[in-house]
Protein backbone atom coordinates (compact mmCIF):
# COMPACT_ATOMS: atom_id res chain seq x y z
CA UNK A 1 -49.34 -37.26 17.71
CA UNK A 2 -46.22 -35.67 16.39
CA UNK A 3 -46.11 -31.93 16.54
CA UNK A 4 -46.40 -30.26 13.19
CA UNK A 5 -43.24 -28.32 12.32
CA UNK A 6 -43.10 -25.58 9.75
CA UNK A 7 -40.47 -25.98 7.09
CA UNK A 8 -37.48 -23.76 7.64
CA UNK A 9 -37.29 -20.86 5.27
CA UNK A 10 -34.11 -20.75 3.22
CA UNK A 11 -31.57 -18.23 4.43
CA UNK A 12 -31.67 -14.89 2.69
CA UNK A 13 -28.68 -14.67 0.40
CA UNK A 14 -26.26 -11.87 1.16
CA UNK A 15 -26.03 -9.45 -1.74
CA UNK A 16 -22.48 -8.27 -2.25
CA UNK A 17 -22.09 -4.53 -2.46
CA UNK A 18 -20.57 -2.86 -5.51
CA UNK A 19 -16.78 -2.68 -5.47
CA UNK A 20 -16.79 0.85 -6.94
CA UNK A 21 -16.24 2.53 -3.53
CA UNK A 22 -13.21 0.29 -3.01
CA UNK A 23 -11.81 1.34 -6.39
CA UNK A 24 -12.06 4.98 -5.31
CA UNK A 25 -10.50 4.19 -1.93
CA UNK A 26 -7.56 2.25 -3.42
CA UNK A 27 -6.91 4.82 -6.17
CA UNK A 28 -6.94 7.66 -3.65
CA UNK A 29 -4.57 5.83 -1.31
CA UNK A 30 -2.29 5.25 -4.30
CA UNK A 31 -2.57 8.97 -5.14
CA UNK A 32 -1.45 9.95 -1.64
CA UNK A 33 1.29 7.33 -1.26
CA UNK A 34 2.62 7.66 -4.82
CA UNK A 35 3.28 11.36 -4.21
CA UNK A 36 5.71 10.68 -1.35
CA UNK A 37 7.44 7.77 -3.09
CA UNK A 38 7.80 9.76 -6.31
CA UNK A 39 9.67 12.50 -4.44
CA UNK A 40 12.15 9.95 -3.12
CA UNK A 41 12.69 8.31 -6.52
CA UNK A 42 13.00 11.70 -8.26
CA UNK A 43 15.48 13.16 -5.78
CA UNK A 44 18.38 13.36 -8.22
CA UNK A 45 16.38 15.20 -10.89
CA UNK A 46 14.85 17.61 -8.37
CA UNK A 47 18.22 18.52 -6.87
CA UNK A 48 19.59 19.25 -10.36
CA UNK A 49 16.61 21.26 -11.65
CA UNK A 50 16.11 23.34 -8.51
CA UNK A 51 19.83 23.62 -7.70
CA UNK A 52 19.28 22.44 -4.16
CA UNK A 53 20.91 19.77 -1.98
CA UNK A 54 19.21 16.42 -1.43
CA UNK A 55 18.52 17.42 2.17
CA UNK A 56 16.03 20.00 0.89
CA UNK A 57 14.02 17.25 -0.78
CA UNK A 58 14.20 15.27 2.46
CA UNK A 59 12.92 18.32 4.32
CA UNK A 60 9.98 18.61 1.91
CA UNK A 61 9.10 14.93 2.43
CA UNK A 62 9.35 15.38 6.19
CA UNK A 63 7.14 18.48 6.06
CA UNK A 64 4.38 16.56 4.32
CA UNK A 65 4.61 13.59 6.69
CA UNK A 66 4.60 15.73 9.82
CA UNK A 67 1.72 17.88 8.55
CA UNK A 68 -0.38 14.79 7.91
CA UNK A 69 0.40 13.26 11.31
CA UNK A 70 -0.20 16.52 13.17
CA UNK A 71 -3.65 17.21 11.76
CA UNK A 72 -5.06 13.74 11.12
CA UNK A 73 -7.15 13.64 14.32
CA UNK A 74 -8.60 17.04 13.42
CA UNK A 75 -9.21 15.78 9.88
CA UNK A 76 -11.42 12.95 11.15
CA UNK A 77 -13.65 15.38 13.05
CA UNK A 78 -13.91 17.83 10.16
CA UNK A 79 -15.03 14.96 7.93
CA UNK A 80 -17.63 13.86 10.48
CA UNK A 81 -19.00 17.38 10.97
CA UNK A 82 -19.27 18.47 7.35
CA UNK A 83 -19.74 15.11 5.64
CA UNK A 84 -16.99 12.68 4.66
CA UNK A 85 -17.72 12.74 0.93
CA UNK A 86 -17.81 16.52 0.66
CA UNK A 87 -14.63 16.97 2.69
CA UNK A 88 -12.98 14.16 0.75
CA UNK A 89 -13.77 15.80 -2.59
CA UNK A 90 -12.41 19.18 -1.48
CA UNK A 91 -9.25 17.52 -0.12
CA UNK A 92 -8.68 15.54 -3.35
CA UNK A 93 -8.88 18.78 -5.36
CA UNK A 94 -6.45 20.58 -3.04
CA UNK A 95 -4.07 17.62 -3.14
CA UNK A 96 -4.19 17.66 -6.94
CA UNK A 97 -3.40 21.39 -6.95
CA UNK A 98 -0.52 20.80 -4.52
CA UNK A 99 0.89 18.14 -6.85
CA UNK A 100 0.55 20.58 -9.77
CA UNK A 101 2.57 23.07 -7.70
CA UNK A 102 5.24 20.40 -7.13
CA UNK A 103 5.38 19.68 -10.86
CA UNK A 104 5.75 23.42 -11.60
CA UNK A 105 8.14 24.17 -8.72
CA UNK A 106 10.83 26.72 -9.53
CA UNK A 107 12.41 26.88 -6.06
CA UNK A 108 12.94 24.69 -2.99
CA UNK A 109 10.57 26.96 -1.02
CA UNK A 110 7.75 26.31 -3.51
CA UNK A 111 8.40 22.58 -3.29
CA UNK A 112 8.37 22.73 0.52
CA UNK A 113 5.07 24.66 0.74
CA UNK A 114 3.37 22.43 -1.84
CA UNK A 115 4.41 19.24 -0.07
CA UNK A 116 3.36 20.61 3.34
CA UNK A 117 -0.08 21.47 1.90
CA UNK A 118 -0.25 17.97 0.42
CA UNK A 119 0.38 16.38 3.82
CA UNK A 120 -2.19 18.59 5.53
CA UNK A 121 -5.00 17.57 3.13
CA UNK A 122 -4.06 13.89 3.35
CA UNK A 123 -5.05 14.31 7.01
CA UNK A 124 -8.57 14.90 5.65
CA UNK A 125 -8.43 12.09 3.09
CA UNK A 126 -7.09 9.21 5.23
CA UNK A 127 -9.97 9.06 7.77
CA UNK A 128 -12.53 9.39 4.97
CA UNK A 129 -11.20 6.28 3.23
CA UNK A 130 -11.96 4.19 6.31
CA UNK A 131 -15.41 5.75 6.64
CA UNK A 132 -16.23 4.80 3.04
CA UNK A 133 -15.24 1.18 3.70
CA UNK A 134 -17.30 1.02 6.90
CA UNK A 135 -20.32 2.61 5.18
CA UNK A 136 -20.26 0.47 2.02
CA UNK A 137 -19.01 -2.97 3.05
CA UNK A 138 -19.83 -5.49 5.75
CA UNK A 139 -18.63 -8.88 6.97
CA UNK A 140 -16.17 -10.72 4.77
CA UNK A 141 -16.43 -8.06 2.06
CA UNK A 142 -15.38 -5.41 4.59
CA UNK A 143 -12.40 -7.52 5.65
CA UNK A 144 -11.27 -7.87 2.04
CA UNK A 145 -11.76 -4.14 1.42
CA UNK A 146 -9.51 -3.27 4.39
CA UNK A 147 -6.90 -5.68 3.07
CA UNK A 148 -6.94 -3.91 -0.28
CA UNK A 149 -6.64 -0.52 1.45
CA UNK A 150 -3.58 -1.76 3.35
CA UNK A 151 -2.19 -3.25 0.13
CA UNK A 152 -2.59 0.05 -1.75
CA UNK A 153 0.39 1.53 0.12
CA UNK A 154 2.98 -1.03 -1.09
CA UNK A 155 1.28 -1.04 -4.50
CA UNK A 156 1.90 2.71 -4.72
CA UNK A 157 5.52 2.07 -3.79
CA UNK A 158 5.95 -0.41 -6.66
CA UNK A 159 4.27 1.96 -9.12
CA UNK A 160 6.45 4.83 -7.97
CA UNK A 161 9.59 2.74 -8.41
CA UNK A 162 8.58 1.75 -11.94
CA UNK A 163 6.75 4.83 -13.25
CA UNK A 164 8.51 7.66 -11.41
CA UNK A 165 11.86 5.93 -11.86
CA UNK A 166 11.27 5.64 -15.62
CA UNK A 167 10.02 9.22 -15.96
CA UNK A 168 12.93 10.59 -13.94
CA UNK A 169 15.45 8.92 -16.23
CA UNK A 170 13.64 9.72 -19.53
CA UNK A 171 11.11 12.54 -19.97
CA UNK A 172 11.68 14.21 -16.58
CA UNK A 173 10.63 13.95 -12.95
CA UNK A 174 7.88 16.59 -13.23
CA UNK A 175 5.67 14.27 -15.31
CA UNK A 176 5.26 11.93 -12.33
CA UNK A 177 3.47 14.68 -10.41
CA UNK A 178 1.48 15.70 -13.47
CA UNK A 179 0.25 12.10 -13.55
CA UNK A 180 -0.91 12.46 -9.93
CA UNK A 181 -2.90 15.55 -10.95
CA UNK A 182 -4.69 13.46 -13.57
CA UNK A 183 -5.34 10.71 -11.01
CA UNK A 184 -6.81 13.32 -8.65
CA UNK A 185 -9.24 14.33 -11.39
CA UNK A 186 -10.27 10.70 -11.91
CA UNK A 187 -10.82 10.19 -8.18
CA UNK A 188 -12.90 13.36 -7.98
CA UNK A 189 -15.19 12.20 -10.78
CA UNK A 190 -15.56 8.70 -9.33
CA UNK A 191 -16.27 10.09 -5.86
CA UNK A 192 -19.67 11.35 -6.98
CA UNK A 193 -20.71 7.68 -7.22
CA UNK A 194 -19.92 7.12 -3.53
CA UNK A 195 -22.65 6.78 -0.94
CA UNK A 196 -23.27 10.07 0.84
CA UNK A 197 -22.32 9.77 4.50
CA UNK A 198 -24.61 12.20 6.34
CA UNK A 199 -22.73 14.98 8.16
CA UNK A 200 -22.94 14.94 11.92
CA UNK A 201 -23.67 18.63 12.32
CA UNK A 202 -23.89 18.24 16.07
CA UNK A 203 -20.18 17.38 16.26
CA UNK A 204 -18.22 20.01 18.17
CA UNK A 205 -14.52 20.24 17.39
CA UNK A 206 -12.24 20.17 20.42
CA UNK A 207 -9.66 22.74 19.33
CA UNK A 208 -7.62 22.50 22.53
CA UNK A 209 -7.31 18.73 22.07
CA UNK A 210 -6.39 19.24 18.41
CA UNK A 211 -3.58 21.66 19.34
CA UNK A 212 -2.28 19.35 22.06
CA UNK A 213 -2.23 16.41 19.66
CA UNK A 214 -0.51 18.40 16.90
CA UNK A 215 2.08 19.80 19.30
CA UNK A 216 2.91 16.40 20.76
CA UNK A 217 3.18 14.73 17.35
CA UNK A 218 5.37 17.47 15.85
CA UNK A 219 7.75 17.47 18.83
CA UNK A 220 8.01 13.67 18.87
CA UNK A 221 8.51 13.47 15.10
CA UNK A 222 11.23 16.13 15.00
CA UNK A 223 12.88 14.66 18.10
CA UNK A 224 13.12 11.11 16.79
CA UNK A 225 14.10 12.28 13.30
CA UNK A 226 16.96 14.32 14.74
CA UNK A 227 18.45 11.61 16.96
CA UNK A 228 21.08 10.52 14.46
CA UNK A 229 22.14 13.92 13.08
CA UNK A 230 21.68 16.07 16.20
CA UNK A 231 22.97 13.55 18.73
CA UNK A 232 21.36 11.08 21.10
CA UNK A 233 22.59 12.86 24.24
CA UNK A 234 25.26 15.44 23.44
CA UNK A 235 24.65 17.93 20.65
CA UNK A 236 26.61 17.57 17.41
CA UNK A 237 27.68 20.37 15.09
CA UNK A 238 24.58 19.69 12.98
CA UNK A 239 22.19 20.43 15.86
CA UNK A 240 20.22 23.69 15.39
CA UNK A 241 20.73 24.52 19.08
CA UNK A 242 21.81 22.91 22.34
CA UNK A 243 20.92 23.22 26.01
CA UNK A 244 24.10 23.13 28.08
CA UNK A 245 25.61 20.98 25.36
CA UNK A 246 22.66 18.56 25.33
CA UNK A 247 21.16 17.61 21.96
CA UNK A 248 17.71 19.06 21.22
CA UNK A 249 16.48 15.62 20.04
CA UNK A 250 15.91 14.03 23.48
CA UNK A 251 14.57 17.35 24.81
CA UNK A 252 11.94 17.46 22.06
CA UNK A 253 11.04 13.80 22.66
CA UNK A 254 10.54 14.40 26.39
CA UNK A 255 8.44 17.52 25.75
CA UNK A 256 6.38 15.64 23.15
CA UNK A 257 5.76 12.77 25.57
CA UNK A 258 4.70 15.20 28.31
CA UNK A 259 2.27 17.01 26.01
CA UNK A 260 1.00 13.60 24.86
CA UNK A 261 0.18 12.69 28.46
CA UNK A 262 -1.57 16.03 28.88
CA UNK A 263 -3.54 15.25 25.71
CA UNK A 264 -4.90 11.96 27.10
CA UNK A 265 -5.67 13.56 30.47
CA UNK A 266 -7.58 16.25 28.59
CA UNK A 267 -9.54 13.64 26.64
CA UNK A 268 -10.53 11.75 29.79
CA UNK A 269 -11.63 14.97 31.47
CA UNK A 270 -13.72 15.97 28.45
CA UNK A 271 -15.28 12.50 28.28
CA UNK A 272 -16.14 12.53 32.00
CA UNK A 273 -17.81 15.91 31.50
CA UNK A 274 -19.72 14.56 28.44
CA UNK A 275 -18.02 17.08 26.17
CA UNK A 276 -16.76 16.61 22.63
CA UNK A 277 -13.28 15.14 22.20
CA UNK A 278 -10.93 15.39 19.24
CA UNK A 279 -10.38 11.63 19.53
CA UNK A 280 -12.88 9.22 21.06
CA UNK A 281 -11.15 6.97 23.59
CA UNK A 282 -13.83 4.35 22.91
CA UNK A 283 -11.57 3.22 20.05
CA UNK A 284 -9.21 2.02 22.81
CA UNK A 285 -11.92 1.10 25.30
CA UNK A 286 -10.45 -2.22 26.44
CA UNK A 287 -7.18 -4.08 26.83
CA UNK A 288 -7.85 -5.94 23.58
CA UNK A 289 -7.97 -2.73 21.55
CA UNK A 290 -4.83 -1.43 23.28
CA UNK A 291 -3.08 -4.73 22.55
CA UNK A 292 -4.09 -4.44 18.90
CA UNK A 293 -2.60 -0.93 18.78
CA UNK A 294 0.64 -2.18 20.37
CA UNK A 295 0.82 -4.98 17.79
CA UNK A 296 0.23 -2.49 14.96
CA UNK A 297 2.89 -0.11 16.33
CA UNK A 298 5.40 -2.97 16.74
CA UNK A 299 4.90 -4.16 13.16
CA UNK A 300 5.14 -0.67 11.70
CA UNK A 301 8.27 -0.02 13.79
CA UNK A 302 9.91 -3.23 12.57
CA UNK A 303 8.70 -2.75 8.99
CA UNK A 304 9.93 0.83 8.57
CA UNK A 305 13.24 0.02 10.27
CA UNK A 306 13.71 -2.90 7.87
CA UNK A 307 12.78 -0.64 4.95
CA UNK A 308 15.65 1.62 6.09
CA UNK A 309 18.24 -1.12 6.63
CA UNK A 310 17.56 -3.15 3.47
CA UNK A 311 18.27 -0.34 0.94
CA UNK A 312 21.24 0.64 3.12
CA UNK A 313 22.59 -2.89 2.69
CA UNK A 314 21.97 -3.03 -1.08
CA UNK A 315 23.38 0.43 -1.84
CA UNK A 316 26.27 0.64 0.65
CA UNK A 317 27.38 -2.98 1.10
CA UNK A 318 26.59 -4.10 -2.44
CA UNK A 319 27.36 -0.74 -4.05
CA UNK A 320 24.29 -0.81 -6.27
CA UNK A 321 22.47 2.20 -7.72
CA UNK A 322 19.14 3.57 -6.52
CA UNK A 323 17.33 2.10 -9.53
CA UNK A 324 18.92 -1.33 -8.98
CA UNK A 325 17.88 -1.09 -5.33
CA UNK A 326 14.31 -0.28 -6.37
CA UNK A 327 14.16 -3.34 -8.64
CA UNK A 328 15.68 -5.56 -5.94
CA UNK A 329 13.03 -4.68 -3.33
CA UNK A 330 10.03 -5.04 -5.65
CA UNK A 331 9.52 -8.73 -4.65
CA UNK A 332 9.45 -7.62 -1.01
CA UNK A 333 6.89 -4.91 -1.76
CA UNK A 334 4.77 -7.26 -3.86
CA UNK A 335 4.75 -9.86 -1.07
CA UNK A 336 3.35 -7.21 1.31
CA UNK A 337 0.65 -6.45 -1.26
CA UNK A 338 -0.27 -10.12 -1.75
CA UNK A 339 -0.42 -10.89 1.98
CA UNK A 340 -2.54 -7.78 2.67
CA UNK A 341 -5.13 -8.85 0.13
CA UNK A 342 -5.23 -12.57 0.95
CA UNK A 343 -5.11 -12.54 4.76
CA UNK A 344 -8.89 -12.04 4.89
CA UNK A 345 -9.35 -15.62 3.65
CA UNK A 346 -7.97 -16.86 6.99
CA UNK A 347 -10.51 -14.98 9.16
CA UNK A 348 -13.14 -17.74 9.02
CA UNK A 349 -10.74 -20.39 10.30
CA UNK A 350 -8.52 -18.63 12.82
CA UNK A 351 -9.04 -15.84 15.36
CA UNK A 352 -6.98 -12.65 14.99
CA UNK A 353 -4.56 -13.39 17.83
CA UNK A 354 -3.55 -16.70 16.22
CA UNK A 355 -2.94 -15.10 12.82
CA UNK A 356 -1.01 -12.25 14.42
CA UNK A 357 1.22 -14.57 16.46
CA UNK A 358 2.06 -16.67 13.40
CA UNK A 359 2.62 -13.48 11.41
CA UNK A 360 5.17 -12.14 13.89
CA UNK A 361 6.97 -15.50 13.88
CA UNK A 362 7.13 -15.33 10.07
CA UNK A 363 8.49 -11.76 10.26
CA UNK A 364 11.13 -12.80 12.81
CA UNK A 365 12.11 -15.78 10.63
CA UNK A 366 12.46 -13.58 7.55
CA UNK A 367 14.65 -11.07 9.41
CA UNK A 368 16.77 -13.85 10.92
CA UNK A 369 17.24 -15.44 7.50
CA UNK A 370 18.39 -12.07 6.15
CA UNK A 371 20.77 -11.54 9.06
CA UNK A 372 22.51 -14.89 8.51
CA UNK A 373 22.60 -14.81 4.70
CA UNK A 374 23.62 -11.27 3.74
CA UNK A 375 27.25 -11.17 2.71
CA UNK A 376 29.67 -8.66 1.26
CA UNK A 377 29.26 -10.51 -2.03
CA UNK A 378 25.79 -10.55 -3.57
CA UNK A 379 23.69 -13.68 -2.97
CA UNK A 380 20.48 -12.50 -4.52
CA UNK A 381 18.26 -15.59 -4.31
CA UNK A 382 18.56 -16.18 -0.56
CA UNK A 383 18.31 -12.48 0.26
CA UNK A 384 15.23 -12.02 -1.94
CA UNK A 385 13.69 -15.12 -0.34
CA UNK A 386 14.21 -13.57 3.10
CA UNK A 387 12.65 -10.32 1.88
CA UNK A 388 9.60 -12.18 0.51
CA UNK A 389 9.09 -14.05 3.80
CA UNK A 390 9.40 -10.77 5.71
CA UNK A 391 6.91 -9.08 3.38
CA UNK A 392 4.34 -11.86 3.70
CA UNK A 393 4.33 -11.62 7.48
CA UNK A 394 4.39 -7.83 7.49
CA UNK A 395 1.52 -7.43 5.00
CA UNK A 396 -0.69 -9.94 6.82
CA UNK A 397 -0.20 -8.27 10.21
CA UNK A 398 -0.72 -4.68 9.01
CA UNK A 399 -4.03 -5.56 7.33
CA UNK A 400 -5.12 -7.79 10.23
CA UNK A 401 -4.55 -5.31 13.07
CA UNK A 402 -6.25 -2.49 11.19
CA UNK A 403 -9.21 -4.71 10.36
CA UNK A 404 -9.46 -5.89 13.97
CA UNK A 405 -9.33 -2.35 15.36
CA UNK A 406 -12.02 -1.16 12.96
CA UNK A 407 -14.24 -4.14 13.73
CA UNK A 408 -13.90 -3.61 17.47
CA UNK A 409 -15.12 -0.02 17.34
CA UNK A 410 -18.64 1.30 16.62
CA UNK A 411 -19.14 2.10 12.98
CA UNK A 412 -19.76 5.75 13.85
CA UNK A 413 -16.11 5.90 14.98
CA UNK A 414 -14.67 4.66 11.67
CA UNK A 415 -13.13 8.08 11.05
CA UNK A 416 -11.42 8.03 14.44
CA UNK A 417 -10.08 4.54 13.72
CA UNK A 418 -8.73 5.75 10.37
CA UNK A 419 -7.12 8.75 12.03
CA UNK A 420 -5.62 6.56 14.77
CA UNK A 421 -4.23 4.19 12.14
CA UNK A 422 -2.55 7.09 10.31
CA UNK A 423 -1.21 8.51 13.55
CA UNK A 424 0.29 5.21 14.73
CA UNK A 425 1.68 4.61 11.24
CA UNK A 426 3.59 7.91 11.16
CA UNK A 427 4.83 7.90 14.75
CA UNK A 428 5.93 4.25 14.61
CA UNK A 429 7.61 4.86 11.26
CA UNK A 430 9.55 7.88 12.54
CA UNK A 431 10.64 6.01 15.66
CA UNK A 432 11.56 2.87 13.70
CA UNK A 433 13.83 4.66 11.24
CA UNK A 434 15.40 6.82 13.97
CA UNK A 435 16.12 3.94 16.35
CA UNK A 436 17.42 1.66 13.58
CA UNK A 437 19.69 4.43 12.34
CA UNK A 438 21.08 5.30 15.77
CA UNK A 439 21.54 1.64 16.75
CA UNK A 440 23.22 0.62 13.49
CA UNK A 441 25.53 3.65 13.33
CA UNK A 442 26.41 3.35 17.03
CA UNK A 443 27.21 -0.32 16.61
CA UNK A 444 29.29 0.42 13.51
CA UNK A 445 31.27 3.07 15.40
CA UNK A 446 32.01 0.66 18.24
CA UNK A 447 33.06 -2.17 15.93
CA UNK A 448 35.30 0.05 13.79
CA UNK A 449 36.95 1.72 16.78
CA UNK A 450 37.63 -1.65 18.45
CA UNK A 451 39.04 -3.24 15.29
CA UNK A 452 41.24 -0.23 14.49
CA UNK A 453 42.64 -0.19 18.04
CA UNK A 454 43.50 -3.90 17.80
CA UNK A 455 45.01 -3.71 14.31
CA UNK A 456 48.84 -3.82 14.20
CA UNK A 457 48.78 -2.34 10.68
CA UNK A 458 47.10 0.93 11.66
CA UNK A 459 49.30 2.95 14.08
CA UNK A 460 47.80 5.63 16.39
CA UNK A 461 49.41 8.48 14.41
CA UNK A 462 47.46 7.32 11.34
CA UNK A 463 44.13 6.75 13.06
CA UNK A 464 44.41 10.22 14.57
CA UNK A 465 43.99 11.58 11.03
CA UNK A 466 40.67 9.75 10.55
CA UNK A 467 37.49 11.04 12.29
CA UNK A 468 36.57 7.81 14.09
CA UNK A 469 34.08 9.75 16.25
CA UNK A 470 32.01 10.44 13.11
CA UNK A 471 31.78 6.97 11.57
CA UNK A 472 28.85 6.33 9.23
CA UNK A 473 27.84 3.84 6.55
CA UNK A 474 29.98 4.61 3.48
CA UNK A 475 30.97 2.60 0.42
CA UNK A 476 34.47 1.19 -0.05
CA UNK A 477 35.19 3.81 -2.71
CA UNK A 478 34.21 6.66 -0.37
CA UNK A 479 36.40 5.28 2.42
CA UNK A 480 39.34 4.83 0.05
CA UNK A 481 38.99 8.47 -0.93
CA UNK A 482 39.05 9.57 2.73
CA UNK A 483 42.06 7.38 3.59
CA UNK A 484 43.82 8.52 0.42
CA UNK A 485 43.96 12.04 1.86
CA UNK A 486 46.00 10.78 4.84
CA UNK A 487 49.54 9.42 5.06
CA UNK A 488 48.30 5.83 4.84
CA UNK A 489 50.11 3.36 2.60
CA UNK A 490 48.21 1.16 0.17
CA UNK A 491 48.43 -1.77 2.60
CA UNK A 492 47.00 0.40 5.37
CA UNK A 493 44.21 1.63 3.09
CA UNK A 494 43.35 -1.98 2.24
CA UNK A 495 43.31 -2.86 5.96
CA UNK A 496 41.04 0.08 6.75
CA UNK A 497 38.63 -0.87 3.96
CA UNK A 498 38.57 -4.51 5.13
CA UNK A 499 37.85 -3.44 8.74
CA UNK A 500 35.06 -1.12 7.61
CA UNK A 501 33.51 -3.78 5.35
CA UNK A 502 33.48 -6.37 8.13
CA UNK A 503 32.12 -3.93 10.75
CA UNK A 504 29.52 -2.57 8.33
CA UNK A 505 28.15 -6.01 7.57
CA UNK A 506 28.20 -7.10 11.22
CA UNK A 507 26.34 -3.94 12.30
CA UNK A 508 23.58 -4.61 9.76
CA UNK A 509 23.33 -8.28 10.74
CA UNK A 510 22.99 -7.48 14.46
CA UNK A 511 20.46 -4.74 13.67
CA UNK A 512 18.32 -7.18 11.69
CA UNK A 513 18.54 -9.72 14.54
CA UNK A 514 17.45 -6.98 16.96
CA UNK A 515 14.38 -6.32 14.82
CA UNK A 516 13.64 -10.06 14.79
CA UNK A 517 13.75 -10.02 18.58
CA UNK A 518 11.28 -7.11 18.70
CA UNK A 519 8.97 -9.05 16.36
CA UNK A 520 9.05 -12.03 18.73
CA UNK A 521 8.33 -9.78 21.72
CA UNK A 522 5.27 -8.48 19.85
CA UNK A 523 3.75 -11.95 20.17
CA UNK A 524 2.79 -10.95 23.74
CA UNK A 525 0.41 -8.07 22.84
CA UNK A 526 -0.73 -10.01 19.77
CA UNK A 527 -1.98 -12.78 22.06
CA UNK A 528 -4.38 -10.33 23.71
CA UNK A 529 -6.10 -9.31 20.50
CA UNK A 530 -9.88 -9.90 20.38
CA UNK A 531 -11.26 -13.38 19.77
CA UNK A 532 -14.13 -12.35 17.51
CA UNK A 533 -13.63 -12.38 13.78
CA UNK A 534 -12.54 -9.18 12.06
CA UNK A 535 -15.05 -7.75 9.59
CA UNK A 536 -18.11 -7.91 11.87
CA UNK A 537 -19.12 -4.90 13.93
CA UNK A 538 -19.79 -6.11 17.51
CA UNK A 539 -23.40 -5.85 18.65
CA UNK A 540 -22.40 -4.64 22.12
CA UNK A 541 -20.42 -1.49 21.47
CA UNK A 542 -19.34 -0.48 24.94
CA UNK A 543 -20.63 -0.27 28.46
CA UNK A 544 -23.34 2.35 28.74
CA UNK A 545 -23.83 2.66 24.97
CA UNK A 546 -26.72 1.28 23.00
CA UNK A 547 -25.93 0.11 19.48
CA UNK A 548 -28.03 1.50 16.72
CA UNK A 549 -29.73 -0.84 14.27
CA UNK A 550 -27.03 -0.43 11.65
CA UNK A 551 -24.31 -1.43 14.05
CA UNK A 552 -25.99 -4.43 15.61
CA UNK A 553 -25.51 -7.97 14.52
CA UNK A 554 -21.83 -8.79 14.80
CA UNK A 555 -20.93 -12.10 16.35
CA UNK A 556 -17.86 -13.77 17.58
CA UNK A 557 -16.92 -17.40 17.17
CA UNK A 558 -19.69 -19.87 17.96
CA UNK A 559 -22.33 -17.16 17.78
CA UNK A 560 -21.22 -15.29 20.89
CA UNK A 561 -20.79 -11.61 21.52
CA UNK A 562 -17.37 -10.27 22.47
CA UNK A 563 -18.43 -10.32 26.12
CA UNK A 564 -19.47 -13.95 25.87
CA UNK A 565 -23.28 -13.46 25.73
CA UNK A 566 -25.25 -15.51 23.27
CA UNK A 567 -26.44 -13.75 20.15
CA UNK A 568 -30.14 -12.93 20.22
CA UNK A 569 -31.93 -14.68 17.35
CA UNK A 570 -33.18 -11.39 15.91
CA UNK A 571 -30.07 -9.34 16.48
CA UNK A 572 -28.90 -9.43 12.92
CA UNK A 573 -32.30 -9.05 11.28
């Protein structure tokens, strides 16, 4: 007699969560990112109104970036201890007030203080955004939410180019920051609809670890930022000080690296003693998580370096204005946005390491296409095509690695993951711009010096009048002005301009090819990324830790756990 079998009950449909928390998250990320981009776009108006050089605006931007990077690990712990929503709301208000101070600035000092305060409170906001996503979304919906969070940064860049650029050239640059104040008010009101994340009152803040992290980040950031102007080895005249003629830049980098090592030793010692840490190393508990971090750092390094070289090419080689440059790079920025939002659709078919490897190949192809197609005359279609290909690969990887890192960690560490993401973003960005600048300028100097020495038209007595030891990227008109102040004839001026144009283009091409090579090298760490699908929190969190009920239930491909064990039938119930 056949055994009687009960009919299978239909699977319980998954109810999608409201997208309102994501709207708050995206709008707040736009609020934070728009503020920095608006400063850059409004530089000309600010320098005129406040009667200050452009370097002062650059210093204000740097102050905000460094303040955010220095305190972001501390910001994650403050949010956990006092409640992410409460801390988020206070930070949004302070950021709005800081933007009001920028809009009302009457001196460079006021602008500097306001921007530094803005960066410090973003250190509270950034980890909270990740916590809200982890608390409100799960599975595929969580993956899409992270993609939108990653896409909010380039979206803010496009909005800043369009809105701040229009305001700066019409009604005035101050209205851009007034608009941010209004957006802060909207985000504050919407935040009351967010789910309350209970404060972890038992959290103890590791102040020593916080100071070590801040010190290391500040030293590294200033060191890398000063490489080009202060000197890579020997100090230049622009260096604030020197040590036996040595530039302070490498000294600060070495000190920052040493303090960084002390920071990680301190964390391991605190963890072994079961004491609170400013950053939980469980976020990087295995080689897979470390590989994901390396992949994220590599992409951010390449992306920020490309973001430095591309405007340099358009403005210096092509001689276009800042506004024309902004319009030209909008397709690139939009492609990052599109890829960030759509990459989640690939998670069901391909594991993260496959997507990441393909993404880095796409990035390398886009950079190689740019390197071989940029010319001294404008060929917009091919260049824009290369930028779009680069943006698609870049956007997909940035969203993917962040999603993978968040999925690999326990949900209770979402704030630490958000802080780590912000930290890697800022450090990699600083290093990327600094290295690209030093490499491109150094290459330009070598090419110009070699070509001038080999040129029969430019005699030594003429080249002695030109500071070849201080070569930089300048337009043809600027170089003609410099050569016009020497004894050079018109034929010699034309020869000098031709040499500079050829060397300038070649330096940019080789720099782009170098970035393509770094993207291909990143395939190695990308291949070690986890095999389970992003968006699902793993059921087994770490050795020696028991998952709570809310964090159980994630599976890898074929219903396995990350460690290869079969999923228990009731694990996700």
